[in-house]
Amino acid sequence: MLLMGFSYMLVGMTVVFSFLILQVILMKVMSNFVLRYFPEKEELIKAPSPVCRDRDIIALITAAVRNYEAGSE
């Protein structure tokens, strides 16, 4: 009776392990298929003007430093 239980356990674990290995292999095959025949299209994103942003950041930092120095005197 105990030997039959171990044999069922071994068969069950083998079936589950085989199914998981098969699932991983099929996922990799499908991923390669999709990436090969349906590649992602790259969107061009227009970046904001760095000059305007740099000026805003410099003005913000300057105002913060002046405010800090005015408060510490």
Protein backbone atom coordinates (compact mmCIF):
# COMPACT_ATOMS: atom_id res chain seq x y z
CA MET A 1 0.00 0.00 0.00
CA LEU A 2 2.78 2.43 0.93
CA LEU A 3 4.73 1.51 -2.21
CA MET A 4 1.66 2.23 -4.37
CA GLY A 5 1.34 5.67 -2.73
CA PHE A 6 4.96 6.51 -3.51
CA SER A 7 4.52 5.39 -7.11
CA TYR A 8 1.44 7.64 -7.49
CA MET A 9 3.36 10.49 -5.94
CA LEU A 10 6.27 9.98 -8.34
CA VAL A 11 3.97 9.80 -11.36
CA GLY A 12 2.11 12.94 -10.26
CA MET A 13 5.27 14.92 -9.63
CA THR A 14 6.69 13.82 -13.00
CA VAL A 15 3.52 14.89 -14.81
CA VAL A 16 3.50 18.31 -13.14
CA PHE A 17 7.21 18.86 -13.74
CA SER A 18 6.86 17.85 -17.41
CA PHE A 19 3.89 20.18 -17.85
CA LEU A 20 5.82 23.11 -16.36
CA ILE A 21 8.86 22.45 -18.56
CA LEU A 22 6.60 22.22 -21.63
CA GLN A 23 4.91 25.47 -20.64
CA VAL A 24 8.25 27.32 -20.33
CA ILE A 25 9.41 26.03 -23.72
CA LEU A 26 6.16 27.01 -25.44
CA MET A 27 6.24 30.48 -23.86
CA LYS A 28 9.76 31.06 -25.20
CA VAL A 29 8.77 29.84 -28.68
CA MET A 30 5.68 32.07 -28.75
CA SER A 31 7.68 35.05 -27.50
CA ASN A 32 10.27 34.63 -30.24
CA PHE A 33 7.51 34.23 -32.85
CA VAL A 34 5.71 37.39 -31.77
CA LEU A 35 8.89 39.45 -31.56
CA ARG A 36 10.03 38.27 -34.99
CA TYR A 37 6.79 38.76 -36.94
CA PHE A 38 5.16 41.57 -34.95
CA PRO A 39 7.95 43.91 -33.78
CA GLU A 40 7.09 46.88 -31.61
CA LYS A 41 6.96 50.18 -33.43
CA GLU A 42 9.08 52.87 -31.85
CA GLU A 43 7.31 56.14 -31.21
CA LEU A 44 9.24 59.33 -31.64
CA ILE A 45 8.71 61.54 -28.62
CA LYS A 46 9.58 65.17 -29.00
CA ALA A 47 11.71 66.24 -26.07
CA PRO A 48 11.02 69.60 -24.44
CA SER A 49 13.44 72.39 -25.10
CA PRO A 50 16.34 72.02 -22.64
CA VAL A 51 17.21 75.73 -22.72
CA CYS A 52 13.83 76.83 -21.35
CA ARG A 53 13.83 74.16 -18.69
CA ASP A 54 17.39 74.95 -17.60
CA ARG A 55 16.50 78.63 -17.19
CA ASP A 56 13.47 77.75 -15.08
CA ILE A 57 15.53 75.47 -12.85
CA ILE A 58 18.29 78.07 -12.43
CA ALA A 59 15.71 80.72 -11.52
CA LEU A 60 14.11 78.38 -9.00
CA ILE A 61 17.44 77.52 -7.36
CA THR A 62 18.46 81.18 -7.26
CA ALA A 63 15.19 82.15 -5.59
CA ALA A 64 15.55 79.35 -3.04
CA VAL A 65 19.12 80.38 -2.16
CA ARG A 66 18.11 84.06 -1.79
CA ASN A 67 15.18 83.07 0.38
CA TYR A 68 17.40 80.89 2.57
CA GLU A 69 20.07 83.59 2.91
CA ALA A 70 17.46 86.23 3.73
CA GLY A 71 16.02 84.06 6.49
CA SER A 72 19.37 83.23 8.14
CA GLU A 73 20.53 86.84 8.75
